[in-house]
């Protein structure tokens, strides 16, 4: 991040999964390059929501089906997705 190449760095500690399954509350650190103010503010919220959702689904051992705005059945590779 010091070189200005990245806006976000997500630090997931070793044994995060083990600690999570053991009922502990391990901490994930999100480092943000605040010199890119708009990206930092908006993006950090997005990253937090994504990580929180993934951890919650993992702990519940459930992944919600999402309705994608695409039809994967109509086409084959390389045009695998059609936007409706």
C-alpha atoms as a PDB file:
ATOM      1  CA  UNK A   1       0.000   0.000   0.000  1.00  0.00           C
ATOM      2  CA  UNK A   2       2.917   2.333   0.603  1.00  0.00           C
ATOM      3  CA  UNK A   3       3.640   2.303  -3.131  1.00  0.00           C
ATOM      4  CA  UNK A   4       0.094   3.427  -3.956  1.00  0.00           C
ATOM      5  CA  UNK A   5      -0.762   0.330  -5.971  1.00  0.00           C
ATOM      6  CA  UNK A   6      -3.559  -0.965  -3.761  1.00  0.00           C
ATOM      7  CA  UNK A   7      -6.522   0.737  -2.161  1.00  0.00           C
ATOM      8  CA  UNK A   8      -7.474  -2.140   0.139  1.00  0.00           C
ATOM      9  CA  UNK A   9      -5.552  -4.867   1.930  1.00  0.00           C
ATOM     10  CA  UNK A  10      -7.478  -7.531   3.810  1.00  0.00           C
ATOM     11  CA  UNK A  11      -5.463  -9.263   6.533  1.00  0.00           C
ATOM     12  CA  UNK A  12      -6.964 -12.599   7.561  1.00  0.00           C
ATOM     13  CA  UNK A  13      -4.954 -14.043  10.445  1.00  0.00           C
ATOM     14  CA  UNK A  14      -3.632 -17.605  10.576  1.00  0.00           C
ATOM     15  CA  UNK A  15      -6.116 -20.081  12.065  1.00  0.00           C
ATOM     16  CA  UNK A  16      -9.037 -17.739  11.379  1.00  0.00           C
ATOM     17  CA  UNK A  17     -11.322 -20.618  10.376  1.00  0.00           C
ATOM     18  CA  UNK A  18     -10.348 -22.738  13.378  1.00  0.00           C
ATOM     19  CA  UNK A  19     -10.933 -19.880  15.801  1.00  0.00           C
ATOM     20  CA  UNK A  20     -14.241 -19.007  14.175  1.00  0.00           C
ATOM     21  CA  UNK A  21     -15.516 -22.592  14.416  1.00  0.00           C
ATOM     22  CA  UNK A  22     -14.344 -22.780  18.036  1.00  0.00           C
ATOM     23  CA  UNK A  23     -16.671 -19.908  18.919  1.00  0.00           C
ATOM     24  CA  UNK A  24     -13.941 -17.313  19.289  1.00  0.00           C
ATOM     25  CA  UNK A  25     -14.143 -13.911  17.631  1.00  0.00           C
ATOM     26  CA  UNK A  26     -11.062 -13.600  15.435  1.00  0.00           C
ATOM     27  CA  UNK A  27     -10.443 -10.193  13.916  1.00  0.00           C
ATOM     28  CA  UNK A  28      -9.970  -9.468  10.223  1.00  0.00           C
ATOM     29  CA  UNK A  29      -8.118  -6.254   9.524  1.00  0.00           C
ATOM     30  CA  UNK A  30      -9.011  -4.092   6.528  1.00  0.00           C
ATOM     31  CA  UNK A  31      -6.321  -1.578   5.639  1.00  0.00           C
ATOM     32  CA  UNK A  32      -7.516   1.296   3.458  1.00  0.00           C
ATOM     33  CA  UNK A  33      -5.520   3.839   1.468  1.00  0.00           C
ATOM     34  CA  UNK A  34      -7.353   6.955   2.618  1.00  0.00           C
ATOM     35  CA  UNK A  35      -5.635   9.155   0.036  1.00  0.00           C
ATOM     36  CA  UNK A  36      -8.274   7.878  -2.393  1.00  0.00           C
ATOM     37  CA  UNK A  37     -11.074   9.267  -0.270  1.00  0.00           C
ATOM     38  CA  UNK A  38     -14.141   8.320  -2.326  1.00  0.00           C
ATOM     39  CA  UNK A  39     -12.910   4.810  -3.049  1.00  0.00           C
ATOM     40  CA  UNK A  40     -11.815   4.369   0.551  1.00  0.00           C
ATOM     41  CA  UNK A  41     -15.157   5.401   2.016  1.00  0.00           C
ATOM     42  CA  UNK A  42     -17.417   3.550  -0.407  1.00  0.00           C
ATOM     43  CA  UNK A  43     -15.189   0.545  -0.945  1.00  0.00           C
ATOM     44  CA  UNK A  44     -14.524  -0.136   2.722  1.00  0.00           C
ATOM     45  CA  UNK A  45     -18.260  -0.443   3.299  1.00  0.00           C
ATOM     46  CA  UNK A  46     -18.569  -2.856   0.378  1.00  0.00           C
ATOM     47  CA  UNK A  47     -15.651  -4.978   1.593  1.00  0.00           C
ATOM     48  CA  UNK A  48     -17.032  -5.087   5.133  1.00  0.00           C
ATOM     49  CA  UNK A  49     -20.443  -6.211   3.870  1.00  0.00           C
ATOM     50  CA  UNK A  50     -18.938  -8.887   1.621  1.00  0.00           C
ATOM     51  CA  UNK A  51     -16.697 -10.300   4.354  1.00  0.00           C
ATOM     52  CA  UNK A  52     -19.466 -10.195   6.945  1.00  0.00           C
ATOM     53  CA  UNK A  53     -21.848 -11.996   4.594  1.00  0.00           C
ATOM     54  CA  UNK A  54     -19.307 -14.675   3.720  1.00  0.00           C
ATOM     55  CA  UNK A  55     -18.442 -15.336   7.365  1.00  0.00           C
ATOM     56  CA  UNK A  56     -22.114 -15.491   8.336  1.00  0.00           C
ATOM     57  CA  UNK A  57     -22.944 -17.942   5.541  1.00  0.00           C
ATOM     58  CA  UNK A  58     -19.921 -20.053   6.463  1.00  0.00           C
ATOM     59  CA  UNK A  59     -20.964 -20.247  10.113  1.00  0.00           C
ATOM     60  CA  UNK A  60     -24.524 -21.119   9.170  1.00  0.00           C
ATOM     61  CA  UNK A  61     -23.225 -23.641   6.635  1.00  0.00           C
ATOM     62  CA  UNK A  62     -25.680 -22.142   4.218  1.00  0.00           C
ATOM     63  CA  UNK A  63     -25.228 -20.179   1.033  1.00  0.00           C
ATOM     64  CA  UNK A  64     -28.293 -18.332  -0.131  1.00  0.00           C
ATOM     65  CA  UNK A  65     -29.318 -18.785  -3.722  1.00  0.00           C
ATOM     66  CA  UNK A  66     -29.042 -15.506  -5.520  1.00  0.00           C
ATOM     67  CA  UNK A  67     -31.104 -14.460  -8.475  1.00  0.00           C
ATOM     68  CA  UNK A  68     -28.612 -13.379 -11.086  1.00  0.00           C
ATOM     69  CA  UNK A  69     -29.744 -11.073 -13.882  1.00  0.00           C
ATOM     70  CA  UNK A  70     -28.412 -13.599 -16.385  1.00  0.00           C
ATOM     71  CA  UNK A  71     -29.541 -16.781 -18.036  1.00  0.00           C
ATOM     72  CA  UNK A  72     -26.751 -19.348 -17.916  1.00  0.00           C
ATOM     73  CA  UNK A  73     -28.747 -21.935 -19.846  1.00  0.00           C
ATOM     74  CA  UNK A  74     -29.072 -20.173 -23.190  1.00  0.00           C
ATOM     75  CA  UNK A  75     -25.493 -19.889 -24.372  1.00  0.00           C
ATOM     76  CA  UNK A  76     -22.286 -21.835 -24.418  1.00  0.00           C
ATOM     77  CA  UNK A  77     -18.730 -20.703 -23.955  1.00  0.00           C
ATOM     78  CA  UNK A  78     -17.315 -18.136 -24.735  1.00  0.00           C
ATOM     79  CA  UNK A  79     -20.550 -16.152 -24.444  1.00  0.00           C
ATOM     80  CA  UNK A  80     -21.704 -18.020 -21.360  1.00  0.00           C
ATOM     81  CA  UNK A  81     -23.914 -15.295 -19.923  1.00  0.00           C
ATOM     82  CA  UNK A  82     -26.720 -13.260 -21.406  1.00  0.00           C
ATOM     83  CA  UNK A  83     -27.907 -10.166 -19.607  1.00  0.00           C
ATOM     84  CA  UNK A  84     -31.703 -10.060 -19.556  1.00  0.00           C
END
